[in-house]
mmCIF file of all heavy atoms, coordinates in Angstrom:
data_MODEL
# 
_entry.id   MODEL 
# 
loop_
_atom_site.group_PDB 
_atom_site.id 
_atom_site.type_symbol 
_atom_site.label_atom_id 
_atom_site.label_alt_id 
_atom_site.label_comp_id 
_atom_site.label_asym_id 
_atom_site.label_entity_id 
_atom_site.label_seq_id 
_atom_site.pdbx_PDB_ins_code 
_atom_site.Cartn_x 
_atom_site.Cartn_y 
_atom_site.Cartn_z 
_atom_site.occupancy 
_atom_site.B_iso_or_equiv 
_atom_site.pdbx_formal_charge 
_atom_site.auth_seq_id 
_atom_site.auth_comp_id 
_atom_site.auth_asym_id 
_atom_site.auth_atom_id 
_atom_site.pdbx_PDB_model_num 
ATOM 1   N N   . GLN A 1 1  ? 0.764  -1.281 -0.038  1.00 0.00 ? 1  GLN A N   1 
ATOM 2   C CA  . GLN A 1 1  ? -0.029 0.000  0.017   1.00 0.00 ? 1  GLN A CA  1 
ATOM 3   C C   . GLN A 1 1  ? 0.913  1.258  0.009   1.00 0.00 ? 1  GLN A C   1 
ATOM 4   O O   . GLN A 1 1  ? 0.527  2.149  -0.675  1.00 0.00 ? 1  GLN A O   1 
ATOM 5   C CB  . GLN A 1 1  ? -1.020 0.019  1.178   1.00 0.00 ? 1  GLN A CB  1 
ATOM 6   C CG  . GLN A 1 1  ? -2.025 -1.215 1.146   1.00 0.00 ? 1  GLN A CG  1 
ATOM 7   C CD  . GLN A 1 1  ? -2.855 -1.128 2.449   1.00 0.00 ? 1  GLN A CD  1 
ATOM 8   O OE1 . GLN A 1 1  ? -2.602 -0.458 3.468   1.00 0.00 ? 1  GLN A OE1 1 
ATOM 9   N NE2 . GLN A 1 1  ? -3.822 -2.002 2.506   1.00 0.00 ? 1  GLN A NE2 1 
ATOM 10  N N   . LYS A 1 2  ? 1.998  1.292  0.760   1.00 0.00 ? 2  LYS A N   1 
ATOM 11  C CA  . LYS A 1 2  ? 2.822  2.417  0.854   1.00 0.00 ? 2  LYS A CA  1 
ATOM 12  C C   . LYS A 1 2  ? 3.570  2.530  -0.534  1.00 0.00 ? 2  LYS A C   1 
ATOM 13  O O   . LYS A 1 2  ? 3.752  3.697  -1.033  1.00 0.00 ? 2  LYS A O   1 
ATOM 14  C CB  . LYS A 1 2  ? 3.864  2.295  1.852   1.00 0.00 ? 2  LYS A CB  1 
ATOM 15  C CG  . LYS A 1 2  ? 3.339  2.376  3.308   1.00 0.00 ? 2  LYS A CG  1 
ATOM 16  C CD  . LYS A 1 2  ? 4.351  2.402  4.334   1.00 0.00 ? 2  LYS A CD  1 
ATOM 17  C CE  . LYS A 1 2  ? 3.803  2.600  5.778   1.00 0.00 ? 2  LYS A CE  1 
ATOM 18  N NZ  . LYS A 1 2  ? 4.883  2.552  6.832   1.00 0.00 ? 2  LYS A NZ  1 
ATOM 19  N N   . LEU A 1 3  ? 3.841  1.473  -1.141  1.00 0.00 ? 3  LEU A N   1 
ATOM 20  C CA  . LEU A 1 3  ? 4.474  1.505  -2.436  1.00 0.00 ? 3  LEU A CA  1 
ATOM 21  C C   . LEU A 1 3  ? 3.666  2.126  -3.481  1.00 0.00 ? 3  LEU A C   1 
ATOM 22  O O   . LEU A 1 3  ? 4.086  3.031  -4.260  1.00 0.00 ? 3  LEU A O   1 
ATOM 23  C CB  . LEU A 1 3  ? 4.900  0.108  -2.822  1.00 0.00 ? 3  LEU A CB  1 
ATOM 24  C CG  . LEU A 1 3  ? 5.620  0.035  -4.163  1.00 0.00 ? 3  LEU A CG  1 
ATOM 25  C CD1 . LEU A 1 3  ? 7.024  0.579  -3.980  1.00 0.00 ? 3  LEU A CD1 1 
ATOM 26  C CD2 . LEU A 1 3  ? 5.902  -1.567 -4.553  1.00 0.00 ? 3  LEU A CD2 1 
ATOM 27  N N   . SER A 1 4  ? 2.380  1.825  -3.437  1.00 0.00 ? 4  SER A N   1 
ATOM 28  C CA  . SER A 1 4  ? 1.425  2.449  -4.479  1.00 0.00 ? 4  SER A CA  1 
ATOM 29  C C   . SER A 1 4  ? 1.227  3.885  -4.072  1.00 0.00 ? 4  SER A C   1 
ATOM 30  O O   . SER A 1 4  ? 0.978  4.692  -5.024  1.00 0.00 ? 4  SER A O   1 
ATOM 31  C CB  . SER A 1 4  ? 0.011  1.739  -4.395  1.00 0.00 ? 4  SER A CB  1 
ATOM 32  O OG  . SER A 1 4  ? -0.430 1.718  -3.052  1.00 0.00 ? 4  SER A OG  1 
ATOM 33  N N   . LYS A 1 5  ? 1.386  4.195  -2.773  1.00 0.00 ? 5  LYS A N   1 
ATOM 34  C CA  . LYS A 1 5  ? 1.088  5.687  -2.401  1.00 0.00 ? 5  LYS A CA  1 
ATOM 35  C C   . LYS A 1 5  ? 2.182  6.559  -2.765  1.00 0.00 ? 5  LYS A C   1 
ATOM 36  O O   . LYS A 1 5  ? 2.106  7.607  -3.220  1.00 0.00 ? 5  LYS A O   1 
ATOM 37  C CB  . LYS A 1 5  ? 1.058  5.683  -0.898  1.00 0.00 ? 5  LYS A CB  1 
ATOM 38  C CG  . LYS A 1 5  ? 0.932  7.111  -0.306  1.00 0.00 ? 5  LYS A CG  1 
ATOM 39  C CD  . LYS A 1 5  ? 0.733  6.952  1.212   1.00 0.00 ? 5  LYS A CD  1 
ATOM 40  C CE  . LYS A 1 5  ? 0.643  8.388  1.792   1.00 0.00 ? 5  LYS A CE  1 
ATOM 41  N NZ  . LYS A 1 5  ? 0.509  8.478  3.218   1.00 0.00 ? 5  LYS A NZ  1 
ATOM 42  N N   . TYR A 1 6  ? 3.659  5.939  -2.746  1.00 0.00 ? 6  TYR A N   1 
ATOM 43  C CA  . TYR A 1 6  ? 4.615  6.783  -3.209  1.00 0.00 ? 6  TYR A CA  1 
ATOM 44  C C   . TYR A 1 6  ? 5.044  6.626  -4.684  1.00 0.00 ? 6  TYR A C   1 
ATOM 45  O O   . TYR A 1 6  ? 6.004  7.131  -5.106  1.00 0.00 ? 6  TYR A O   1 
ATOM 46  C CB  . TYR A 1 6  ? 5.916  6.324  -2.419  1.00 0.00 ? 6  TYR A CB  1 
ATOM 47  C CG  . TYR A 1 6  ? 5.870  6.666  -0.828  1.00 0.00 ? 6  TYR A CG  1 
ATOM 48  C CD1 . TYR A 1 6  ? 6.016  5.709  0.177   1.00 0.00 ? 6  TYR A CD1 1 
ATOM 49  C CD2 . TYR A 1 6  ? 5.411  7.941  -0.463  1.00 0.00 ? 6  TYR A CD2 1 
ATOM 50  C CE1 . TYR A 1 6  ? 5.959  5.987  1.415   1.00 0.00 ? 6  TYR A CE1 1 
ATOM 51  C CE2 . TYR A 1 6  ? 5.397  8.304  0.926   1.00 0.00 ? 6  TYR A CE2 1 
ATOM 52  C CZ  . TYR A 1 6  ? 5.564  7.280  1.834   1.00 0.00 ? 6  TYR A CZ  1 
ATOM 53  O OH  . TYR A 1 6  ? 5.451  7.592  3.221   1.00 0.00 ? 6  TYR A OH  1 
ATOM 54  N N   . PHE A 1 7  ? 4.328  5.927  -5.419  1.00 0.00 ? 7  PHE A N   1 
ATOM 55  C CA  . PHE A 1 7  ? 4.573  5.774  -6.838  1.00 0.00 ? 7  PHE A CA  1 
ATOM 56  C C   . PHE A 1 7  ? 4.579  7.099  -7.538  1.00 0.00 ? 7  PHE A C   1 
ATOM 57  O O   . PHE A 1 7  ? 5.299  7.201  -8.459  1.00 0.00 ? 7  PHE A O   1 
ATOM 58  C CB  . PHE A 1 7  ? 3.593  4.802  -7.356  1.00 0.00 ? 7  PHE A CB  1 
ATOM 59  C CG  . PHE A 1 7  ? 3.802  4.482  -9.008  1.00 0.00 ? 7  PHE A CG  1 
ATOM 60  C CD1 . PHE A 1 7  ? 4.871  3.622  -9.157  1.00 0.00 ? 7  PHE A CD1 1 
ATOM 61  C CD2 . PHE A 1 7  ? 3.042  5.056  -9.917  1.00 0.00 ? 7  PHE A CD2 1 
ATOM 62  C CE1 . PHE A 1 7  ? 5.115  3.409  -10.700 1.00 0.00 ? 7  PHE A CE1 1 
ATOM 63  C CE2 . PHE A 1 7  ? 3.356  4.788  -11.210 1.00 0.00 ? 7  PHE A CE2 1 
ATOM 64  C CZ  . PHE A 1 7  ? 4.285  4.031  -11.600 1.00 0.00 ? 7  PHE A CZ  1 
ATOM 65  N N   . ILE A 1 8  ? 3.719  7.971  -7.104  1.00 0.00 ? 8  ILE A N   1 
ATOM 66  C CA  . ILE A 1 8  ? 3.622  9.308  -7.809  1.00 0.00 ? 8  ILE A CA  1 
ATOM 67  C C   . ILE A 1 8  ? 4.872  10.045 -7.742  1.00 0.00 ? 8  ILE A C   1 
ATOM 68  O O   . ILE A 1 8  ? 5.222  10.870 -8.593  1.00 0.00 ? 8  ILE A O   1 
ATOM 69  C CB  . ILE A 1 8  ? 2.550  10.130 -7.113  1.00 0.00 ? 8  ILE A CB  1 
ATOM 70  C CG1 . ILE A 1 8  ? 2.253  11.465 -7.896  1.00 0.00 ? 8  ILE A CG1 1 
ATOM 71  C CG2 . ILE A 1 8  ? 2.843  10.523 -5.679  1.00 0.00 ? 8  ILE A CG2 1 
ATOM 72  C CD1 . ILE A 1 8  ? 1.082  12.234 -7.450  1.00 0.00 ? 8  ILE A CD1 1 
ATOM 73  N N   . PHE A 1 9  ? 5.712  9.914  -6.708  1.00 0.00 ? 9  PHE A N   1 
ATOM 74  C CA  . PHE A 1 9  ? 6.989  10.523 -6.473  1.00 0.00 ? 9  PHE A CA  1 
ATOM 75  C C   . PHE A 1 9  ? 8.019  9.993  -7.528  1.00 0.00 ? 9  PHE A C   1 
ATOM 76  O O   . PHE A 1 9  ? 8.889  10.660 -8.033  1.00 0.00 ? 9  PHE A O   1 
ATOM 77  C CB  . PHE A 1 9  ? 7.474  10.390 -5.097  1.00 0.00 ? 9  PHE A CB  1 
ATOM 78  C CG  . PHE A 1 9  ? 6.601  11.126 -4.008  1.00 0.00 ? 9  PHE A CG  1 
ATOM 79  C CD1 . PHE A 1 9  ? 5.942  10.258 -3.188  1.00 0.00 ? 9  PHE A CD1 1 
ATOM 80  C CD2 . PHE A 1 9  ? 6.376  12.399 -4.027  1.00 0.00 ? 9  PHE A CD2 1 
ATOM 81  C CE1 . PHE A 1 9  ? 5.016  10.922 -2.208  1.00 0.00 ? 9  PHE A CE1 1 
ATOM 82  C CE2 . PHE A 1 9  ? 5.514  13.007 -3.075  1.00 0.00 ? 9  PHE A CE2 1 
ATOM 83  C CZ  . PHE A 1 9  ? 4.855  12.336 -2.140  1.00 0.00 ? 9  PHE A CZ  1 
ATOM 84  N N   . LYS A 1 10 ? 7.935  8.792  -7.808  1.00 0.00 ? 10 LYS A N   1 
ATOM 85  C CA  . LYS A 1 10 ? 8.795  8.157  -8.749  1.00 0.00 ? 10 LYS A CA  1 
ATOM 86  C C   . LYS A 1 10 ? 8.514  8.760  -10.110 1.00 0.00 ? 10 LYS A C   1 
ATOM 87  O O   . LYS A 1 10 ? 9.294  9.057  -10.895 1.00 0.00 ? 10 LYS A O   1 
ATOM 88  C CB  . LYS A 1 10 ? 8.544  6.589  -8.794  1.00 0.00 ? 10 LYS A CB  1 
ATOM 89  C CG  . LYS A 1 10 ? 9.364  5.968  -9.955  1.00 0.00 ? 10 LYS A CG  1 
ATOM 90  C CD  . LYS A 1 10 ? 9.238  4.388  -9.762  1.00 0.00 ? 10 LYS A CD  1 
ATOM 91  C CE  . LYS A 1 10 ? 10.078 3.589  -10.916 1.00 0.00 ? 10 LYS A CE  1 
ATOM 92  N NZ  . LYS A 1 10 ? 9.758  3.973  -12.147 1.00 0.00 ? 10 LYS A NZ  1 
ATOM 93  N N   . ARG A 1 11 ? 7.202  8.874  -10.461 1.00 0.00 ? 11 ARG A N   1 
ATOM 94  C CA  . ARG A 1 11 ? 6.910  9.506  -11.786 1.00 0.00 ? 11 ARG A CA  1 
ATOM 95  C C   . ARG A 1 11 ? 7.300  11.044 -11.822 1.00 0.00 ? 11 ARG A C   1 
ATOM 96  O O   . ARG A 1 11 ? 7.804  11.551 -12.812 1.00 0.00 ? 11 ARG A O   1 
ATOM 97  C CB  . ARG A 1 11 ? 5.368  9.534  -11.881 1.00 0.00 ? 11 ARG A CB  1 
ATOM 98  C CG  . ARG A 1 11 ? 4.681  8.068  -12.047 1.00 0.00 ? 11 ARG A CG  1 
ATOM 99  C CD  . ARG A 1 11 ? 5.248  7.477  -13.380 1.00 0.00 ? 11 ARG A CD  1 
ATOM 100 N NE  . ARG A 1 11 ? 4.842  8.334  -14.480 1.00 0.00 ? 11 ARG A NE  1 
ATOM 101 C CZ  . ARG A 1 11 ? 3.613  8.277  -15.189 1.00 0.00 ? 11 ARG A CZ  1 
ATOM 102 N NH1 . ARG A 1 11 ? 2.739  7.390  -14.693 1.00 0.00 ? 11 ARG A NH1 1 
ATOM 103 N NH2 . ARG A 1 11 ? 3.349  8.979  -16.166 1.00 0.00 ? 11 ARG A NH2 1 
ATOM 104 N N   . TYR A 1 12 ? 7.103  11.710 -10.531 1.00 0.00 ? 12 TYR A N   1 
ATOM 105 C CA  . TYR A 1 12 ? 7.661  13.105 -10.619 1.00 0.00 ? 12 TYR A CA  1 
ATOM 106 C C   . TYR A 1 12 ? 9.152  13.187 -10.828 1.00 0.00 ? 12 TYR A C   1 
ATOM 107 O O   . TYR A 1 12 ? 9.586  13.982 -11.672 1.00 0.00 ? 12 TYR A O   1 
ATOM 108 C CB  . TYR A 1 12 ? 7.411  13.699 -9.161  1.00 0.00 ? 12 TYR A CB  1 
ATOM 109 C CG  . TYR A 1 12 ? 7.880  15.002 -8.895  1.00 0.00 ? 12 TYR A CG  1 
ATOM 110 C CD1 . TYR A 1 12 ? 7.389  16.192 -9.564  1.00 0.00 ? 12 TYR A CD1 1 
ATOM 111 C CD2 . TYR A 1 12 ? 9.136  15.236 -8.135  1.00 0.00 ? 12 TYR A CD2 1 
ATOM 112 C CE1 . TYR A 1 12 ? 7.948  17.466 -9.193  1.00 0.00 ? 12 TYR A CE1 1 
ATOM 113 C CE2 . TYR A 1 12 ? 9.663  16.212 -7.916  1.00 0.00 ? 12 TYR A CE2 1 
ATOM 114 C CZ  . TYR A 1 12 ? 9.031  17.452 -8.484  1.00 0.00 ? 12 TYR A CZ  1 
ATOM 115 O OH  . TYR A 1 12 ? 9.729  18.684 -8.153  1.00 0.00 ? 12 TYR A OH  1 
ATOM 116 N N   . LEU A 1 13 ? 9.924  12.230 -10.187 1.00 0.00 ? 13 LEU A N   1 
ATOM 117 C CA  . LEU A 1 13 ? 11.473 12.216 -10.429 1.00 0.00 ? 13 LEU A CA  1 
ATOM 118 C C   . LEU A 1 13 ? 11.829 11.891 -11.815 1.00 0.00 ? 13 LEU A C   1 
ATOM 119 O O   . LEU A 1 13 ? 12.717 12.376 -12.478 1.00 0.00 ? 13 LEU A O   1 
ATOM 120 C CB  . LEU A 1 13 ? 12.078 11.411 -9.399  1.00 0.00 ? 13 LEU A CB  1 
ATOM 121 C CG  . LEU A 1 13 ? 12.035 11.870 -7.985  1.00 0.00 ? 13 LEU A CG  1 
ATOM 122 C CD1 . LEU A 1 13 ? 12.729 10.781 -7.131  1.00 0.00 ? 13 LEU A CD1 1 
ATOM 123 C CD2 . LEU A 1 13 ? 12.878 13.109 -7.877  1.00 0.00 ? 13 LEU A CD2 1 
ATOM 124 N N   . GLU A 1 14 ? 11.061 11.061 -12.464 1.00 0.00 ? 14 GLU A N   1 
ATOM 125 C CA  . GLU A 1 14 ? 11.310 10.682 -13.931 1.00 0.00 ? 14 GLU A CA  1 
ATOM 126 C C   . GLU A 1 14 ? 10.978 11.894 -14.731 1.00 0.00 ? 14 GLU A C   1 
ATOM 127 O O   . GLU A 1 14 ? 11.803 12.100 -15.708 1.00 0.00 ? 14 GLU A O   1 
ATOM 128 C CB  . GLU A 1 14 ? 10.264 9.576  -14.264 1.00 0.00 ? 14 GLU A CB  1 
ATOM 129 C CG  . GLU A 1 14 ? 10.697 8.175  -13.712 1.00 0.00 ? 14 GLU A CG  1 
ATOM 130 C CD  . GLU A 1 14 ? 9.784  7.134  -13.984 1.00 0.00 ? 14 GLU A CD  1 
ATOM 131 O OE1 . GLU A 1 14 ? 8.585  7.363  -14.579 1.00 0.00 ? 14 GLU A OE1 1 
ATOM 132 O OE2 . GLU A 1 14 ? 10.031 5.885  -13.729 1.00 0.00 ? 14 GLU A OE2 1 
ATOM 133 N N   . ASP A 1 15 ? 10.019 12.625 -14.447 1.00 0.00 ? 15 ASP A N   1 
ATOM 134 C CA  . ASP A 1 15 ? 9.783  13.889 -15.242 1.00 0.00 ? 15 ASP A CA  1 
ATOM 135 C C   . ASP A 1 15 ? 10.835 14.850 -15.065 1.00 0.00 ? 15 ASP A C   1 
ATOM 136 O O   . ASP A 1 15 ? 11.353 15.542 -15.954 1.00 0.00 ? 15 ASP A O   1 
ATOM 137 C CB  . ASP A 1 15 ? 8.404  14.573 -14.844 1.00 0.00 ? 15 ASP A CB  1 
ATOM 138 C CG  . ASP A 1 15 ? 7.253  13.625 -15.205 1.00 0.00 ? 15 ASP A CG  1 
ATOM 139 O OD1 . ASP A 1 15 ? 7.527  12.866 -16.095 1.00 0.00 ? 15 ASP A OD1 1 
ATOM 140 O OD2 . ASP A 1 15 ? 6.159  13.806 -14.524 1.00 0.00 ? 15 ASP A OD2 1 
ATOM 141 N N   . VAL A 1 16 ? 11.398 14.954 -13.768 1.00 0.00 ? 16 VAL A N   1 
ATOM 142 C CA  . VAL A 1 16 ? 12.536 15.771 -13.478 1.00 0.00 ? 16 VAL A CA  1 
ATOM 143 C C   . VAL A 1 16 ? 13.753 15.446 -14.349 1.00 0.00 ? 16 VAL A C   1 
ATOM 144 O O   . VAL A 1 16 ? 14.490 16.272 -14.902 1.00 0.00 ? 16 VAL A O   1 
ATOM 145 C CB  . VAL A 1 16 ? 12.872 15.902 -12.012 1.00 0.00 ? 16 VAL A CB  1 
ATOM 146 C CG1 . VAL A 1 16 ? 14.196 16.610 -11.752 1.00 0.00 ? 16 VAL A CG1 1 
ATOM 147 C CG2 . VAL A 1 16 ? 11.721 16.425 -11.150 1.00 0.00 ? 16 VAL A CG2 1 
ATOM 148 N N   . VAL A 1 17 ? 14.039 14.166 -14.413 1.00 0.00 ? 17 VAL A N   1 
ATOM 149 C CA  . VAL A 1 17 ? 15.194 13.640 -15.233 1.00 0.00 ? 17 VAL A CA  1 
ATOM 150 C C   . VAL A 1 17 ? 14.988 14.067 -16.747 1.00 0.00 ? 17 VAL A C   1 
ATOM 151 O O   . VAL A 1 17 ? 16.027 14.506 -17.453 1.00 0.00 ? 17 VAL A O   1 
ATOM 152 C CB  . VAL A 1 17 ? 15.389 12.111 -15.073 1.00 0.00 ? 17 VAL A CB  1 
ATOM 153 C CG1 . VAL A 1 17 ? 16.329 11.560 -16.052 1.00 0.00 ? 17 VAL A CG1 1 
ATOM 154 C CG2 . VAL A 1 17 ? 15.714 11.751 -13.608 1.00 0.00 ? 17 VAL A CG2 1 
ATOM 155 N N   . GLU A 1 18 ? 13.831 13.973 -17.218 1.00 0.00 ? 18 GLU A N   1 
ATOM 156 C CA  . GLU A 1 18 ? 13.633 14.233 -18.641 1.00 0.00 ? 18 GLU A CA  1 
ATOM 157 C C   . GLU A 1 18 ? 13.855 15.763 -19.071 1.00 0.00 ? 18 GLU A C   1 
ATOM 158 O O   . GLU A 1 18 ? 14.278 16.130 -20.031 1.00 0.00 ? 18 GLU A O   1 
ATOM 159 C CB  . GLU A 1 18 ? 12.122 13.957 -18.978 1.00 0.00 ? 18 GLU A CB  1 
ATOM 160 C CG  . GLU A 1 18 ? 11.846 12.394 -18.947 1.00 0.00 ? 18 GLU A CG  1 
ATOM 161 C CD  . GLU A 1 18 ? 10.396 12.170 -19.373 1.00 0.00 ? 18 GLU A CD  1 
ATOM 162 O OE1 . GLU A 1 18 ? 9.647  12.979 -19.590 1.00 0.00 ? 18 GLU A OE1 1 
ATOM 163 O OE2 . GLU A 1 18 ? 10.097 10.854 -19.393 1.00 0.00 ? 18 GLU A OE2 1 
ATOM 164 N N   . VAL A 1 19 ? 13.508 16.671 -17.987 1.00 0.00 ? 19 VAL A N   1 
ATOM 165 C CA  . VAL A 1 19 ? 13.756 18.039 -18.361 1.00 0.00 ? 19 VAL A CA  1 
ATOM 166 C C   . VAL A 1 19 ? 14.854 18.666 -17.719 1.00 0.00 ? 19 VAL A C   1 
ATOM 167 O O   . VAL A 1 19 ? 15.058 19.930 -17.708 1.00 0.00 ? 19 VAL A O   1 
ATOM 168 C CB  . VAL A 1 19 ? 12.482 18.889 -17.773 1.00 0.00 ? 19 VAL A CB  1 
ATOM 169 C CG1 . VAL A 1 19 ? 11.230 18.334 -18.465 1.00 0.00 ? 19 VAL A CG1 1 
ATOM 170 C CG2 . VAL A 1 19 ? 12.286 18.686 -16.260 1.00 0.00 ? 19 VAL A CG2 1 
ATOM 171 N N   . SER A 1 20 ? 15.864 17.845 -17.131 1.00 0.00 ? 20 SER A N   1 
ATOM 172 C CA  . SER A 1 20 ? 17.074 18.423 -16.524 1.00 0.00 ? 20 SER A CA  1 
ATOM 173 C C   . SER A 1 20 ? 18.369 17.716 -17.160 1.00 0.00 ? 20 SER A C   1 
ATOM 174 O O   . SER A 1 20 ? 18.206 16.901 -17.971 1.00 0.00 ? 20 SER A O   1 
ATOM 175 C CB  . SER A 1 20 ? 16.981 18.234 -15.034 1.00 0.00 ? 20 SER A CB  1 
ATOM 176 O OG  . SER A 1 20 ? 17.037 16.823 -14.747 1.00 0.00 ? 20 SER A OG  1 
ATOM 177 N N   . GLN A 1 21 ? 19.492 18.120 -16.560 1.00 0.00 ? 21 GLN A N   1 
ATOM 178 C CA  . GLN A 1 21 ? 20.747 17.541 -17.031 1.00 0.00 ? 21 GLN A CA  1 
ATOM 179 C C   . GLN A 1 21 ? 21.029 16.294 -16.375 1.00 0.00 ? 21 GLN A C   1 
ATOM 180 O O   . GLN A 1 21 ? 22.063 15.604 -16.529 1.00 0.00 ? 21 GLN A O   1 
ATOM 181 C CB  . GLN A 1 21 ? 21.830 18.568 -16.804 1.00 0.00 ? 21 GLN A CB  1 
ATOM 182 C CG  . GLN A 1 21 ? 22.413 18.629 -15.333 1.00 0.00 ? 21 GLN A CG  1 
ATOM 183 C CD  . GLN A 1 21 ? 21.501 19.609 -14.608 1.00 0.00 ? 21 GLN A CD  1 
ATOM 184 O OE1 . GLN A 1 21 ? 20.309 19.967 -14.973 1.00 0.00 ? 21 GLN A OE1 1 
ATOM 185 N NE2 . GLN A 1 21 ? 21.846 19.946 -13.397 1.00 0.00 ? 21 GLN A NE2 1 
ATOM 186 N N   . PHE A 1 22 ? 20.123 15.734 -15.484 1.00 0.00 ? 22 PHE A N   1 
ATOM 187 C CA  . PHE A 1 22 ? 20.452 14.453 -14.757 1.00 0.00 ? 22 PHE A CA  1 
ATOM 188 C C   . PHE A 1 22 ? 20.277 13.260 -15.621 1.00 0.00 ? 22 PHE A C   1 
ATOM 189 O O   . PHE A 1 22 ? 19.373 13.260 -16.543 1.00 0.00 ? 22 PHE A O   1 
ATOM 190 C CB  . PHE A 1 22 ? 19.466 14.375 -13.536 1.00 0.00 ? 22 PHE A CB  1 
ATOM 191 C CG  . PHE A 1 22 ? 19.810 15.333 -12.471 1.00 0.00 ? 22 PHE A CG  1 
ATOM 192 C CD1 . PHE A 1 22 ? 18.785 16.418 -12.369 1.00 0.00 ? 22 PHE A CD1 1 
ATOM 193 C CD2 . PHE A 1 22 ? 20.896 15.500 -11.711 1.00 0.00 ? 22 PHE A CD2 1 
ATOM 194 C CE1 . PHE A 1 22 ? 19.023 17.480 -11.248 1.00 0.00 ? 22 PHE A CE1 1 
ATOM 195 C CE2 . PHE A 1 22 ? 21.168 16.418 -10.750 1.00 0.00 ? 22 PHE A CE2 1 
ATOM 196 C CZ  . PHE A 1 22 ? 20.134 17.488 -10.636 1.00 0.00 ? 22 PHE A CZ  1 
ATOM 197 N N   . ARG A 1 23 ? 21.011 12.271 -15.434 1.00 0.00 ? 23 ARG A N   1 
ATOM 198 C CA  . ARG A 1 23 ? 21.004 11.029 -16.334 1.00 0.00 ? 23 ARG A CA  1 
ATOM 199 C C   . ARG A 1 23 ? 19.835 10.235 -15.932 1.00 0.00 ? 23 ARG A C   1 
ATOM 200 O O   . ARG A 1 23 ? 19.266 9.633  -16.717 1.00 0.00 ? 23 ARG A O   1 
ATOM 201 C CB  . ARG A 1 23 ? 22.332 10.381 -16.362 1.00 0.00 ? 23 ARG A CB  1 
ATOM 202 C CG  . ARG A 1 23 ? 23.495 11.208 -16.915 1.00 0.00 ? 23 ARG A CG  1 
ATOM 203 C CD  . ARG A 1 23 ? 24.819 10.379 -16.815 1.00 0.00 ? 23 ARG A CD  1 
ATOM 204 N NE  . ARG A 1 23 ? 25.117 10.443 -15.346 1.00 0.00 ? 23 ARG A NE  1 
ATOM 205 C CZ  . ARG A 1 23 ? 26.209 9.844  -14.887 1.00 0.00 ? 23 ARG A CZ  1 
ATOM 206 N NH1 . ARG A 1 23 ? 27.018 9.287  -15.691 1.00 0.00 ? 23 ARG A NH1 1 
ATOM 207 N NH2 . ARG A 1 23 ? 26.440 9.794  -13.595 1.00 0.00 ? 23 ARG A NH2 1 
ATOM 208 N N   . ASP A 1 24 ? 19.708 10.020 -14.570 1.00 0.00 ? 24 ASP A N   1 
ATOM 209 C CA  . ASP A 1 24 ? 18.663 8.925  -14.075 1.00 0.00 ? 24 ASP A CA  1 
ATOM 210 C C   . ASP A 1 24 ? 18.301 9.497  -12.724 1.00 0.00 ? 24 ASP A C   1 
ATOM 211 O O   . ASP A 1 24 ? 18.825 10.557 -12.114 1.00 0.00 ? 24 ASP A O   1 
ATOM 212 C CB  . ASP A 1 24 ? 19.257 7.670  -14.023 1.00 0.00 ? 24 ASP A CB  1 
ATOM 213 C CG  . ASP A 1 24 ? 20.601 7.396  -13.396 1.00 0.00 ? 24 ASP A CG  1 
ATOM 214 O OD1 . ASP A 1 24 ? 20.925 8.397  -12.557 1.00 0.00 ? 24 ASP A OD1 1 
ATOM 215 O OD2 . ASP A 1 24 ? 21.234 6.566  -13.607 1.00 0.00 ? 24 ASP A OD2 1 
ATOM 216 N N   . ILE A 1 25 ? 17.286 8.750  -12.127 1.00 0.00 ? 25 ILE A N   1 
ATOM 217 C CA  . ILE A 1 25 ? 16.869 8.997  -10.781 1.00 0.00 ? 25 ILE A CA  1 
ATOM 218 C C   . ILE A 1 25 ? 17.995 8.966  -9.673  1.00 0.00 ? 25 ILE A C   1 
ATOM 219 O O   . ILE A 1 25 ? 17.889 9.748  -8.806  1.00 0.00 ? 25 ILE A O   1 
ATOM 220 C CB  . ILE A 1 25 ? 15.701 8.243  -10.377 1.00 0.00 ? 25 ILE A CB  1 
ATOM 221 C CG1 . ILE A 1 25 ? 14.510 8.553  -11.314 1.00 0.00 ? 25 ILE A CG1 1 
ATOM 222 C CG2 . ILE A 1 25 ? 15.232 8.404  -8.994  1.00 0.00 ? 25 ILE A CG2 1 
ATOM 223 C CD1 . ILE A 1 25 ? 13.320 7.634  -11.093 1.00 0.00 ? 25 ILE A CD1 1 
ATOM 224 N N   . GLU A 1 26 ? 18.836 7.856  -9.837  1.00 0.00 ? 26 GLU A N   1 
ATOM 225 C CA  . GLU A 1 26 ? 19.787 7.733  -8.879  1.00 0.00 ? 26 GLU A CA  1 
ATOM 226 C C   . GLU A 1 26 ? 20.757 9.054  -8.917  1.00 0.00 ? 26 GLU A C   1 
ATOM 227 O O   . GLU A 1 26 ? 21.278 9.440  -7.923  1.00 0.00 ? 26 GLU A O   1 
ATOM 228 C CB  . GLU A 1 26 ? 20.762 6.577  -9.231  1.00 0.00 ? 26 GLU A CB  1 
ATOM 229 C CG  . GLU A 1 26 ? 19.884 5.226  -9.041  1.00 0.00 ? 26 GLU A CG  1 
ATOM 230 C CD  . GLU A 1 26 ? 19.590 4.987  -7.599  1.00 0.00 ? 26 GLU A CD  1 
ATOM 231 O OE1 . GLU A 1 26 ? 20.323 5.486  -6.816  1.00 0.00 ? 26 GLU A OE1 1 
ATOM 232 O OE2 . GLU A 1 26 ? 18.546 4.364  -7.350  1.00 0.00 ? 26 GLU A OE2 1 
ATOM 233 N N   . ASP A 1 27 ? 21.009 9.672  -10.076 1.00 0.00 ? 27 ASP A N   1 
ATOM 234 C CA  . ASP A 1 27 ? 21.851 10.814 -10.107 1.00 0.00 ? 27 ASP A CA  1 
ATOM 235 C C   . ASP A 1 27 ? 21.087 11.987 -9.482  1.00 0.00 ? 27 ASP A C   1 
ATOM 236 O O   . ASP A 1 27 ? 21.792 12.822 -8.778  1.00 0.00 ? 27 ASP A O   1 
ATOM 237 C CB  . ASP A 1 27 ? 22.031 11.217 -11.647 1.00 0.00 ? 27 ASP A CB  1 
ATOM 238 C CG  . ASP A 1 27 ? 23.105 12.225 -11.801 1.00 0.00 ? 27 ASP A CG  1 
ATOM 239 O OD1 . ASP A 1 27 ? 23.834 12.545 -10.748 1.00 0.00 ? 27 ASP A OD1 1 
ATOM 240 O OD2 . ASP A 1 27 ? 23.257 12.721 -12.937 1.00 0.00 ? 27 ASP A OD2 1 
ATOM 241 N N   . VAL A 1 28 ? 19.786 12.058 -9.505  1.00 0.00 ? 28 VAL A N   1 
ATOM 242 C CA  . VAL A 1 28 ? 19.066 13.145 -8.765  1.00 0.00 ? 28 VAL A CA  1 
ATOM 243 C C   . VAL A 1 28 ? 19.201 12.870 -7.258  1.00 0.00 ? 28 VAL A C   1 
ATOM 244 O O   . VAL A 1 28 ? 19.466 13.862 -6.591  1.00 0.00 ? 28 VAL A O   1 
ATOM 245 C CB  . VAL A 1 28 ? 17.572 13.034 -9.099  1.00 0.00 ? 28 VAL A CB  1 
ATOM 246 C CG1 . VAL A 1 28 ? 16.768 13.959 -8.336  1.00 0.00 ? 28 VAL A CG1 1 
ATOM 247 C CG2 . VAL A 1 28 ? 17.367 13.366 -10.691 1.00 0.00 ? 28 VAL A CG2 1 
# 
């Protein structure tokens, strides 16, 4: 349940990677 709750933050960080100079989420 917590995993599904925090899934939106994963999508948010993926969007950040797409519009920034970071290579991946681990880099962020």
